Amino acid sequence: MAVIVALLVVLAAAVVTTRIIEEQGLLARTLASERERAQAEWMLRGGMDWSRAILRFDAQTNATTRLDGIWAQPIVNLPVGSASNPEQALFTGQVEDELSKFNLRNLAQDGLIQPQALQELVRLFESLRIPAEVADNVAQRMAASQYGAESEPSAPGLQFVSDLAGVPGMTPVALATVSPFLTLLPSTTKVNVNTASAEVLAAVVPGMDLARARSVVLERDKGVWFNNVADFVNRLQLSGDEPGQRLAVQSQWFRVSGEIAGDQTLVAMQGLLYRADQEAAPTVRWISY
C-alpha cells in the first residue's frame, strides 16, 4: 500500500508539474505575441509618420497632386525585422488619394439630398452595373443621418463605406464592387482629375462617357497631367455651365493603410490624413488597428 500511495503521489506531482509547464509555455507564447504586436504597432505608427513626411514634401515640391508622386508608390514586403534577421517582419503599405473617389458626404446637406451629387452617384453605379435605386437608397441613408432645419437624424451616422452594408439593395457583392470608388470624408469635397479613375470621372464630368474617360485616364497616366481645372476643361473641350465646378487638381485627404507580417502576428492599420497647406505636415484624423 505504501508503494502504491508513493506512486500515486509521484503521478499527481508529475501531472501538476506538466500542467504548470504547459501554462508557463502558453504564457510565454502569449507574452511574445503581445510583444510582437506592440512592436508592430509602433512600426506602423512609424509608417504613418513617414506618410505625413512624404505628403508634406509632395505639397512643397508640386503644385498638383498626381499619381507619379512618391506618396503614390506602394511598399511591398519591406524587411523591418532585427539587424540579425530583417526578414523576421515584413512591412507593406500604401497611401491613397481620397479625392480620387466619390465622396458620399456630397450626397446630402442639412438633411436634404443634393440632386447633382445623386445623379453623379447614379452614373457611377450604372457604370458598375449596380441598380440606380441602390444609389437613391444610399442618398436617403446619408440624408437621414443628418440634422435638418427642423428635424433630427432618424438614422445613425455613417463612419466608413463598409457601413453601407445595411442599405437596402446593397448586397455584399455590390458593396465589394463599389467600395474602391467611394469614400466618406468629414466634409464635402471635389474630385482630383489627376488621380481619379475613369469610372469616377465619367460620373462627375457632365457629358463624359466611360469610354472617353478611359481614354483620358490612359493618356494622363502616361505623364500628360493637368496643371489646373481650366487646363482639364480646355483640353477636353467641355461645354456647359461651369463643367469644372466639382473638379480639382490638388488633394487634401489621404488614406494610409499598412500591415506588419511577423513570425506569429499580422497587424494591420488604417488611418486618415488631412493636408491643410504646404507648410505643415498632414494631421491624423483617425487611426485604427
C-alpha atoms as a PDB file:
ATOM      1  CA  MET A   1       0.000   0.000   0.000  1.00  0.00           C
ATOM      2  CA  ALA A   2       2.848   2.362   0.821  1.00  0.00           C
ATOM      3  CA  VAL A   3       4.382   1.761  -2.606  1.00  0.00           C
ATOM      4  CA  ILE A   4       1.049   2.353  -4.332  1.00  0.00           C
ATOM      5  CA  VAL A   5       0.491   5.580  -2.376  1.00  0.00           C
ATOM      6  CA  ALA A   6       4.000   6.732  -3.246  1.00  0.00           C
ATOM      7  CA  LEU A   7       3.390   6.030  -6.948  1.00  0.00           C
ATOM      8  CA  LEU A   8       0.099   7.951  -6.844  1.00  0.00           C
ATOM      9  CA  VAL A   9       1.819  10.889  -5.183  1.00  0.00           C
ATOM     10  CA  VAL A  10       4.551  10.858  -7.826  1.00  0.00           C
ATOM     11  CA  LEU A  11       1.938  10.638 -10.601  1.00  0.00           C
ATOM     12  CA  ALA A  12      -0.060  13.529  -9.165  1.00  0.00           C
ATOM     13  CA  ALA A  13       3.104  15.604  -8.807  1.00  0.00           C
ATOM     14  CA  ALA A  14       4.056  14.822 -12.413  1.00  0.00           C
ATOM     15  CA  VAL A  15       0.594  15.847 -13.655  1.00  0.00           C
ATOM     16  CA  VAL A  16       0.717  19.099 -11.710  1.00  0.00           C
ATOM     17  CA  THR A  17       4.249  19.832 -12.910  1.00  0.00           C
ATOM     18  CA  THR A  18       3.296  19.147 -16.512  1.00  0.00           C
ATOM     19  CA  ARG A  19       0.284  21.474 -16.188  1.00  0.00           C
ATOM     20  CA  ILE A  20       2.455  24.213 -14.719  1.00  0.00           C
ATOM     21  CA  ILE A  21       4.997  23.847 -17.508  1.00  0.00           C
ATOM     22  CA  GLU A  22       2.235  23.978 -20.150  1.00  0.00           C
ATOM     23  CA  GLU A  23       0.726  27.086 -18.577  1.00  0.00           C
ATOM     24  CA  GLN A  24       4.120  28.753 -18.397  1.00  0.00           C
ATOM     25  CA  GLY A  25       4.762  27.880 -22.055  1.00  0.00           C
ATOM     26  CA  LEU A  26       1.380  29.310 -23.027  1.00  0.00           C
ATOM     27  CA  LEU A  27       2.068  32.457 -21.001  1.00  0.00           C
ATOM     28  CA  ALA A  28       5.485  32.815 -22.611  1.00  0.00           C
ATOM     29  CA  ARG A  29       3.988  32.487 -26.100  1.00  0.00           C
ATOM     30  CA  THR A  30       1.249  34.969 -25.214  1.00  0.00           C
ATOM     31  CA  LEU A  31       3.777  37.479 -23.902  1.00  0.00           C
ATOM     32  CA  ALA A  32       5.937  37.015 -27.008  1.00  0.00           C
ATOM     33  CA  SER A  33       2.919  37.529 -29.242  1.00  0.00           C
ATOM     34  CA  GLU A  34       1.870  40.663 -27.344  1.00  0.00           C
ATOM     35  CA  ARG A  35       5.420  41.978 -27.549  1.00  0.00           C
ATOM     36  CA  GLU A  36       5.497  41.399 -31.306  1.00  0.00           C
ATOM     37  CA  ARG A  37       2.106  43.077 -31.680  1.00  0.00           C
ATOM     38  CA  ALA A  38       3.223  46.116 -29.681  1.00  0.00           C
ATOM     39  CA  GLN A  39       6.395  46.357 -31.754  1.00  0.00           C
ATOM     40  CA  ALA A  40       4.344  46.025 -34.959  1.00  0.00           C
ATOM     41  CA  GLU A  41       2.015  48.841 -33.877  1.00  0.00           C
ATOM     42  CA  TRP A  42       4.992  51.123 -33.230  1.00  0.00           C
ATOM     43  CA  MET A  43       6.398  50.247 -36.655  1.00  0.00           C
ATOM     44  CA  LEU A  44       3.050  51.056 -38.249  1.00  0.00           C
ATOM     45  CA  ARG A  45       2.970  54.392 -36.433  1.00  0.00           C
ATOM     46  CA  GLY A  46       6.390  54.988 -37.928  1.00  0.00           C
ATOM     47  CA  GLY A  47       4.878  54.243 -41.327  1.00  0.00           C
ATOM     48  CA  MET A  48       2.167  56.821 -40.627  1.00  0.00           C
ATOM     49  CA  ASP A  49       4.794  59.431 -39.744  1.00  0.00           C
ATOM     50  CA  TRP A  50       6.679  58.571 -42.932  1.00  0.00           C
ATOM     51  CA  SER A  51       3.458  59.091 -44.927  1.00  0.00           C
ATOM     52  CA  ARG A  52       2.963  62.502 -43.340  1.00  0.00           C
ATOM     53  CA  ALA A  53       6.535  63.470 -44.231  1.00  0.00           C
ATOM     54  CA  ILE A  54       6.319  62.481 -47.893  1.00  0.00           C
ATOM     55  CA  LEU A  55       2.912  64.147 -48.288  1.00  0.00           C
ATOM     56  CA  ARG A  56       4.342  67.356 -46.870  1.00  0.00           C
ATOM     57  CA  PHE A  57       7.311  67.085 -49.232  1.00  0.00           C
ATOM     58  CA  ASP A  58       4.968  66.485 -52.150  1.00  0.00           C
ATOM     59  CA  ALA A  59       2.946  69.598 -51.308  1.00  0.00           C
ATOM     60  CA  GLN A  60       6.098  71.710 -51.124  1.00  0.00           C
ATOM     61  CA  THR A  61       7.516  70.481 -54.430  1.00  0.00           C
ATOM     62  CA  ASN A  62       4.404  70.007 -56.595  1.00  0.00           C
ATOM     63  CA  ALA A  63       1.553  72.380 -57.351  1.00  0.00           C
ATOM     64  CA  THR A  64      -0.702  69.444 -58.181  1.00  0.00           C
ATOM     65  CA  THR A  65      -1.381  66.037 -56.637  1.00  0.00           C
ATOM     66  CA  ARG A  66      -0.505  63.343 -59.180  1.00  0.00           C
ATOM     67  CA  LEU A  67      -0.040  59.610 -59.298  1.00  0.00           C
ATOM     68  CA  ASP A  68       3.656  59.927 -60.177  1.00  0.00           C
ATOM     69  CA  GLY A  69       4.420  61.318 -56.718  1.00  0.00           C
ATOM     70  CA  ILE A  70       6.494  59.395 -54.193  1.00  0.00           C
ATOM     71  CA  TRP A  71       3.460  59.175 -51.924  1.00  0.00           C
ATOM     72  CA  ALA A  72       1.602  57.068 -54.536  1.00  0.00           C
ATOM     73  CA  GLN A  73       4.246  54.336 -54.743  1.00  0.00           C
ATOM     74  CA  PRO A  74       3.243  51.316 -52.622  1.00  0.00           C
ATOM     75  CA  ILE A  75       5.710  49.495 -50.392  1.00  0.00           C
ATOM     76  CA  VAL A  76       5.556  45.704 -50.583  1.00  0.00           C
ATOM     77  CA  ASN A  77       7.264  43.294 -48.165  1.00  0.00           C
ATOM     78  CA  LEU A  78       9.902  45.704 -46.876  1.00  0.00           C
ATOM     79  CA  PRO A  79      12.097  43.888 -44.283  1.00  0.00           C
ATOM     80  CA  VAL A  80      11.820  45.701 -40.945  1.00  0.00           C
ATOM     81  CA  GLY A  81      12.968  42.982 -38.558  1.00  0.00           C
ATOM     82  CA  SER A  82      16.026  42.984 -36.352  1.00  0.00           C
ATOM     83  CA  ALA A  83      19.510  43.575 -37.706  1.00  0.00           C
ATOM     84  CA  SER A  84      20.320  39.901 -37.342  1.00  0.00           C
ATOM     85  CA  ASN A  85      17.074  38.772 -39.016  1.00  0.00           C
ATOM     86  CA  PRO A  86      15.488  41.574 -41.086  1.00  0.00           C
ATOM     87  CA  GLU A  87      13.111  39.139 -42.801  1.00  0.00           C
ATOM     88  CA  GLN A  88      11.520  38.347 -39.445  1.00  0.00           C
ATOM     89  CA  ALA A  89       8.996  41.156 -40.035  1.00  0.00           C
ATOM     90  CA  LEU A  90       7.779  42.490 -43.392  1.00  0.00           C
ATOM     91  CA  PHE A  91       6.039  45.837 -43.928  1.00  0.00           C
ATOM     92  CA  THR A  92       3.507  46.522 -46.695  1.00  0.00           C
ATOM     93  CA  GLY A  93       1.845  49.918 -47.025  1.00  0.00           C
ATOM     94  CA  GLN A  94       0.095  52.307 -49.370  1.00  0.00           C
ATOM     95  CA  VAL A  95      -1.212  55.883 -49.475  1.00  0.00           C
ATOM     96  CA  GLU A  96      -4.421  56.571 -51.407  1.00  0.00           C
ATOM     97  CA  ASP A  97      -5.793  59.911 -52.539  1.00  0.00           C
ATOM     98  CA  GLU A  98      -9.334  60.063 -51.198  1.00  0.00           C
ATOM     99  CA  LEU A  99     -10.203  62.844 -53.655  1.00  0.00           C
ATOM    100  CA  SER A 100      -9.797  60.292 -56.421  1.00  0.00           C
ATOM    101  CA  LYS A 101     -13.091  58.793 -55.222  1.00  0.00           C
ATOM    102  CA  PHE A 102     -16.724  59.856 -54.960  1.00  0.00           C
ATOM    103  CA  ASN A 103     -17.348  61.362 -51.538  1.00  0.00           C
ATOM    104  CA  LEU A 104     -20.624  60.145 -50.049  1.00  0.00           C
ATOM    105  CA  ARG A 105     -20.706  63.274 -47.890  1.00  0.00           C
ATOM    106  CA  ASN A 106     -21.642  65.254 -51.027  1.00  0.00           C
ATOM    107  CA  LEU A 107     -24.974  63.434 -51.277  1.00  0.00           C
ATOM    108  CA  ALA A 108     -26.811  65.380 -48.580  1.00  0.00           C
ATOM    109  CA  GLN A 109     -26.546  68.650 -46.683  1.00  0.00           C
ATOM    110  CA  ASP A 110     -28.654  69.603 -43.672  1.00  0.00           C
ATOM    111  CA  GLY A 111     -30.779  66.510 -44.203  1.00  0.00           C
ATOM    112  CA  LEU A 112     -31.570  67.322 -47.835  1.00  0.00           C
ATOM    113  CA  ILE A 113     -30.448  65.200 -50.782  1.00  0.00           C
ATOM    114  CA  GLN A 114     -28.316  67.101 -53.306  1.00  0.00           C
ATOM    115  CA  PRO A 115     -29.715  66.265 -56.786  1.00  0.00           C
ATOM    116  CA  GLN A 116     -26.489  66.830 -58.707  1.00  0.00           C
ATOM    117  CA  ALA A 117     -24.458  64.596 -56.402  1.00  0.00           C
ATOM    118  CA  LEU A 118     -27.172  61.930 -56.538  1.00  0.00           C
ATOM    119  CA  GLN A 119     -27.099  61.945 -60.341  1.00  0.00           C
ATOM    120  CA  GLU A 120     -23.325  61.529 -60.217  1.00  0.00           C
ATOM    121  CA  LEU A 121     -23.665  58.535 -57.905  1.00  0.00           C
ATOM    122  CA  VAL A 122     -26.329  57.027 -60.175  1.00  0.00           C
ATOM    123  CA  ARG A 123     -23.990  57.320 -63.177  1.00  0.00           C
ATOM    124  CA  LEU A 124     -21.169  55.752 -61.156  1.00  0.00           C
ATOM    125  CA  PHE A 125     -23.348  52.849 -60.022  1.00  0.00           C
ATOM    126  CA  GLU A 126     -24.703  52.280 -63.522  1.00  0.00           C
ATOM    127  CA  SER A 127     -21.167  52.071 -64.923  1.00  0.00           C
ATOM    128  CA  LEU A 128     -20.504  49.398 -62.292  1.00  0.00           C
ATOM    129  CA  ARG A 129     -23.789  47.629 -63.115  1.00  0.00           C
ATOM    130  CA  ILE A 130     -25.400  48.462 -59.800  1.00  0.00           C
ATOM    131  CA  PRO A 131     -29.119  49.408 -59.956  1.00  0.00           C
ATOM    132  CA  ALA A 132     -29.866  53.138 -59.783  1.00  0.00           C
ATOM    133  CA  GLU A 133     -32.325  52.608 -56.929  1.00  0.00           C
ATOM    134  CA  VAL A 134     -29.446  51.486 -54.732  1.00  0.00           C
ATOM    135  CA  ALA A 135     -27.808  54.880 -55.260  1.00  0.00           C
ATOM    136  CA  ASP A 136     -31.079  56.535 -54.266  1.00  0.00           C
ATOM    137  CA  ASN A 137     -31.201  54.390 -51.115  1.00  0.00           C
ATOM    138  CA  VAL A 138     -27.644  55.446 -50.240  1.00  0.00           C
ATOM    139  CA  ALA A 139     -28.555  59.130 -50.638  1.00  0.00           C
ATOM    140  CA  GLN A 140     -31.625  58.709 -48.437  1.00  0.00           C
ATOM    141  CA  ARG A 141     -29.493  56.980 -45.810  1.00  0.00           C
ATOM    142  CA  MET A 142     -26.996  59.854 -45.840  1.00  0.00           C
ATOM    143  CA  ALA A 143     -29.775  62.444 -45.509  1.00  0.00           C
ATOM    144  CA  ALA A 144     -31.446  60.506 -42.695  1.00  0.00           C
ATOM    145  CA  SER A 145     -28.252  60.635 -40.625  1.00  0.00           C
ATOM    146  CA  GLN A 146     -28.058  64.453 -40.689  1.00  0.00           C
ATOM    147  CA  TYR A 147     -29.724  67.257 -38.769  1.00  0.00           C
ATOM    148  CA  GLY A 148     -32.267  69.175 -40.831  1.00  0.00           C
ATOM    149  CA  ALA A 149     -33.568  72.694 -40.450  1.00  0.00           C
ATOM    150  CA  GLU A 150     -36.362  71.466 -38.193  1.00  0.00           C
ATOM    151  CA  SER A 151     -35.596  67.786 -37.734  1.00  0.00           C
ATOM    152  CA  GLU A 152     -33.167  65.472 -36.018  1.00  0.00           C
ATOM    153  CA  PRO A 153     -31.361  62.470 -37.528  1.00  0.00           C
ATOM    154  CA  SER A 154     -33.557  59.401 -37.921  1.00  0.00           C
ATOM    155  CA  ALA A 155     -30.639  57.021 -38.537  1.00  0.00           C
ATOM    156  CA  PRO A 156     -27.125  56.618 -37.084  1.00  0.00           C
ATOM    157  CA  GLY A 157     -24.334  58.437 -38.860  1.00  0.00           C
ATOM    158  CA  LEU A 158     -22.094  56.527 -41.246  1.00  0.00           C
ATOM    159  CA  GLN A 159     -18.395  56.403 -40.464  1.00  0.00           C
ATOM    160  CA  PHE A 160     -16.998  54.122 -43.149  1.00  0.00           C
ATOM    161  CA  VAL A 161     -18.011  52.977 -46.612  1.00  0.00           C
ATOM    162  CA  SER A 162     -18.462  49.480 -45.179  1.00  0.00           C
ATOM    163  CA  ASP A 163     -21.404  50.834 -43.154  1.00  0.00           C
ATOM    164  CA  LEU A 164     -23.411  50.836 -46.406  1.00  0.00           C
ATOM    165  CA  ALA A 165     -23.907  47.105 -45.887  1.00  0.00           C
ATOM    166  CA  GLY A 166     -27.209  47.882 -44.181  1.00  0.00           C
ATOM    167  CA  VAL A 167     -28.609  49.948 -47.075  1.00  0.00           C
ATOM    168  CA  PRO A 168     -31.440  48.195 -48.948  1.00  0.00           C
ATOM    169  CA  GLY A 169     -30.172  46.614 -52.156  1.00  0.00           C
ATOM    170  CA  MET A 170     -26.507  46.851 -51.157  1.00  0.00           C
ATOM    171  CA  THR A 171     -25.555  43.189 -51.322  1.00  0.00           C
ATOM    172  CA  PRO A 172     -22.074  42.009 -50.263  1.00  0.00           C
ATOM    173  CA  VAL A 173     -21.114  41.675 -53.942  1.00  0.00           C
ATOM    174  CA  ALA A 174     -22.392  45.169 -54.736  1.00  0.00           C
ATOM    175  CA  LEU A 175     -20.568  46.649 -51.748  1.00  0.00           C
ATOM    176  CA  ALA A 176     -17.314  44.974 -52.776  1.00  0.00           C
ATOM    177  CA  THR A 177     -17.787  46.356 -56.296  1.00  0.00           C
ATOM    178  CA  VAL A 178     -18.430  49.986 -55.365  1.00  0.00           C
ATOM    179  CA  SER A 179     -16.127  50.311 -52.332  1.00  0.00           C
ATOM    180  CA  PRO A 180     -12.904  51.082 -54.317  1.00  0.00           C
ATOM    181  CA  PHE A 181     -14.651  54.088 -55.895  1.00  0.00           C
ATOM    182  CA  LEU A 182     -16.236  55.572 -52.749  1.00  0.00           C
ATOM    183  CA  THR A 183     -15.028  57.469 -49.711  1.00  0.00           C
ATOM    184  CA  LEU A 184     -16.674  59.071 -46.693  1.00  0.00           C
ATOM    185  CA  LEU A 185     -14.934  62.236 -45.535  1.00  0.00           C
ATOM    186  CA  PRO A 186     -15.784  64.729 -42.769  1.00  0.00           C
ATOM    187  CA  SER A 187     -16.728  67.454 -45.307  1.00  0.00           C
ATOM    188  CA  THR A 188     -17.821  67.838 -48.910  1.00  0.00           C
ATOM    189  CA  THR A 189     -15.015  67.626 -51.461  1.00  0.00           C
ATOM    190  CA  LYS A 190     -14.222  67.809 -55.160  1.00  0.00           C
ATOM    191  CA  VAL A 191     -12.669  65.123 -57.377  1.00  0.00           C
ATOM    192  CA  ASN A 192      -8.997  65.281 -58.345  1.00  0.00           C
ATOM    193  CA  VAL A 193      -8.776  64.795 -62.126  1.00  0.00           C
ATOM    194  CA  ASN A 194      -5.104  63.805 -61.816  1.00  0.00           C
ATOM    195  CA  THR A 195      -5.842  60.758 -59.653  1.00  0.00           C
ATOM    196  CA  ALA A 196      -9.489  59.789 -60.256  1.00  0.00           C
ATOM    197  CA  SER A 197     -10.424  56.561 -62.022  1.00  0.00           C
ATOM    198  CA  ALA A 198     -12.240  56.537 -65.342  1.00  0.00           C
ATOM    199  CA  GLU A 199     -15.462  55.453 -63.602  1.00  0.00           C
ATOM    200  CA  VAL A 200     -15.389  58.403 -61.194  1.00  0.00           C
ATOM    201  CA  LEU A 201     -14.504  60.910 -63.927  1.00  0.00           C
ATOM    202  CA  ALA A 202     -17.345  59.684 -66.133  1.00  0.00           C
ATOM    203  CA  ALA A 203     -19.694  60.102 -63.179  1.00  0.00           C
ATOM    204  CA  VAL A 204     -18.763  63.663 -62.169  1.00  0.00           C
ATOM    205  CA  VAL A 205     -17.850  65.285 -65.529  1.00  0.00           C
ATOM    206  CA  PRO A 206     -21.012  66.301 -67.441  1.00  0.00           C
ATOM    207  CA  GLY A 207     -21.243  64.810 -70.911  1.00  0.00           C
ATOM    208  CA  MET A 208     -18.301  62.412 -70.496  1.00  0.00           C
ATOM    209  CA  ASP A 209     -18.972  58.743 -71.121  1.00  0.00           C
ATOM    210  CA  LEU A 210     -16.921  55.876 -69.734  1.00  0.00           C
ATOM    211  CA  ALA A 211     -15.071  55.203 -72.996  1.00  0.00           C
ATOM    212  CA  ARG A 212     -13.828  58.774 -73.246  1.00  0.00           C
ATOM    213  CA  ALA A 213     -12.943  58.825 -69.552  1.00  0.00           C
ATOM    214  CA  ARG A 214     -10.803  55.726 -70.000  1.00  0.00           C
ATOM    215  CA  SER A 215      -9.005  57.375 -72.911  1.00  0.00           C
ATOM    216  CA  VAL A 216      -8.351  60.461 -70.776  1.00  0.00           C
ATOM    217  CA  VAL A 217      -7.019  58.379 -67.874  1.00  0.00           C
ATOM    218  CA  LEU A 218      -4.790  56.333 -70.191  1.00  0.00           C
ATOM    219  CA  GLU A 219      -3.213  59.475 -71.663  1.00  0.00           C
ATOM    220  CA  ARG A 220      -2.959  61.160 -68.262  1.00  0.00           C
ATOM    221  CA  ASP A 221      -1.172  58.252 -66.635  1.00  0.00           C
ATOM    222  CA  LYS A 222       1.458  58.336 -69.376  1.00  0.00           C
ATOM    223  CA  GLY A 223       2.563  61.686 -67.931  1.00  0.00           C
ATOM    224  CA  VAL A 224       0.185  64.195 -69.524  1.00  0.00           C
ATOM    225  CA  TRP A 225      -1.023  65.646 -66.227  1.00  0.00           C
ATOM    226  CA  PHE A 226      -3.464  68.508 -65.784  1.00  0.00           C
ATOM    227  CA  ASN A 227      -1.969  71.743 -64.423  1.00  0.00           C
ATOM    228  CA  ASN A 228      -5.289  73.168 -63.275  1.00  0.00           C
ATOM    229  CA  VAL A 229      -9.012  72.693 -63.766  1.00  0.00           C
ATOM    230  CA  ALA A 230      -9.086  75.124 -66.702  1.00  0.00           C
ATOM    231  CA  ASP A 231      -6.436  73.008 -68.412  1.00  0.00           C
ATOM    232  CA  PHE A 232      -8.669  69.947 -67.988  1.00  0.00           C
ATOM    233  CA  VAL A 233     -11.765  71.753 -69.296  1.00  0.00           C
ATOM    234  CA  ASN A 234      -9.982  73.296 -72.307  1.00  0.00           C
ATOM    235  CA  ARG A 235      -8.081  70.153 -73.275  1.00  0.00           C
ATOM    236  CA  LEU A 236     -11.247  68.068 -73.244  1.00  0.00           C
ATOM    237  CA  GLN A 237     -13.259  70.875 -74.851  1.00  0.00           C
ATOM    238  CA  LEU A 238     -16.007  70.596 -72.287  1.00  0.00           C
ATOM    239  CA  SER A 239     -19.085  72.763 -72.698  1.00  0.00           C
ATOM    240  CA  GLY A 240     -21.926  73.798 -70.433  1.00  0.00           C
ATOM    241  CA  ASP A 241     -22.210  75.874 -67.300  1.00  0.00           C
ATOM    242  CA  GLU A 242     -19.149  75.545 -65.099  1.00  0.00           C
ATOM    243  CA  PRO A 243     -18.216  71.966 -66.082  1.00  0.00           C
ATOM    244  CA  GLY A 244     -15.264  72.056 -63.714  1.00  0.00           C
ATOM    245  CA  GLN A 245     -17.017  73.222 -60.576  1.00  0.00           C
ATOM    246  CA  ARG A 246     -16.787  69.762 -58.981  1.00  0.00           C
ATOM    247  CA  LEU A 247     -13.165  69.189 -60.018  1.00  0.00           C
ATOM    248  CA  ALA A 248      -9.702  69.885 -58.588  1.00  0.00           C
ATOM    249  CA  VAL A 249      -6.037  69.116 -59.257  1.00  0.00           C
ATOM    250  CA  GLN A 250      -4.886  69.124 -55.629  1.00  0.00           C
ATOM    251  CA  SER A 251      -5.874  66.861 -52.752  1.00  0.00           C
ATOM    252  CA  GLN A 252      -6.145  67.341 -49.011  1.00  0.00           C
ATOM    253  CA  TRP A 253      -7.425  63.955 -47.828  1.00  0.00           C
ATOM    254  CA  PHE A 254      -5.402  60.742 -47.908  1.00  0.00           C
ATOM    255  CA  ARG A 255      -5.966  57.242 -46.580  1.00  0.00           C
ATOM    256  CA  VAL A 256      -2.961  55.322 -45.255  1.00  0.00           C
ATOM    257  CA  SER A 257      -3.041  51.543 -44.925  1.00  0.00           C
ATOM    258  CA  GLY A 258      -0.293  49.193 -43.823  1.00  0.00           C
ATOM    259  CA  GLU A 259       0.448  45.859 -42.228  1.00  0.00           C
ATOM    260  CA  ILE A 260       3.308  44.127 -40.457  1.00  0.00           C
ATOM    261  CA  ALA A 261       3.643  40.382 -41.008  1.00  0.00           C
ATOM    262  CA  GLY A 262       5.787  38.665 -38.377  1.00  0.00           C
ATOM    263  CA  ASP A 263       6.502  35.097 -37.369  1.00  0.00           C
ATOM    264  CA  GLN A 264       3.448  34.860 -35.141  1.00  0.00           C
ATOM    265  CA  THR A 265       1.477  38.054 -35.785  1.00  0.00           C
ATOM    266  CA  LEU A 266      -0.178  40.023 -38.560  1.00  0.00           C
ATOM    267  CA  VAL A 267      -1.089  43.574 -37.548  1.00  0.00           C
ATOM    268  CA  ALA A 268      -2.940  45.896 -39.933  1.00  0.00           C
ATOM    269  CA  MET A 269      -3.549  49.636 -39.667  1.00  0.00           C
ATOM    270  CA  GLN A 270      -5.643  52.237 -41.462  1.00  0.00           C
ATOM    271  CA  GLY A 271      -5.694  55.974 -40.971  1.00  0.00           C
ATOM    272  CA  LEU A 272      -6.978  59.201 -42.497  1.00  0.00           C
ATOM    273  CA  LEU A 273      -4.713  62.211 -43.053  1.00  0.00           C
ATOM    274  CA  TYR A 274      -5.713  65.808 -43.763  1.00  0.00           C
ATOM    275  CA  ARG A 275      -3.228  68.069 -45.522  1.00  0.00           C
ATOM    276  CA  ALA A 276      -4.333  71.646 -44.944  1.00  0.00           C
ATOM    277  CA  ASP A 277      -1.431  73.511 -46.564  1.00  0.00           C
ATOM    278  CA  GLN A 278       2.078  73.153 -47.949  1.00  0.00           C
ATOM    279  CA  GLU A 279       3.997  74.121 -44.826  1.00  0.00           C
ATOM    280  CA  ALA A 280       2.606  71.899 -42.094  1.00  0.00           C
ATOM    281  CA  ALA A 281       2.656  68.120 -42.051  1.00  0.00           C
ATOM    282  CA  PRO A 282      -0.762  66.484 -42.529  1.00  0.00           C
ATOM    283  CA  THR A 283      -2.744  65.845 -39.374  1.00  0.00           C
ATOM    284  CA  VAL A 284      -4.049  62.422 -38.366  1.00  0.00           C
ATOM    285  CA  ARG A 285      -7.856  62.483 -38.240  1.00  0.00           C
ATOM    286  CA  TRP A 286      -8.255  58.875 -37.162  1.00  0.00           C
ATOM    287  CA  ILE A 287      -6.245  55.697 -36.933  1.00  0.00           C
ATOM    288  CA  SER A 288      -7.333  52.120 -36.284  1.00  0.00           C
ATOM    289  CA  TYR A 289      -5.657  48.716 -35.933  1.00  0.00           C
END
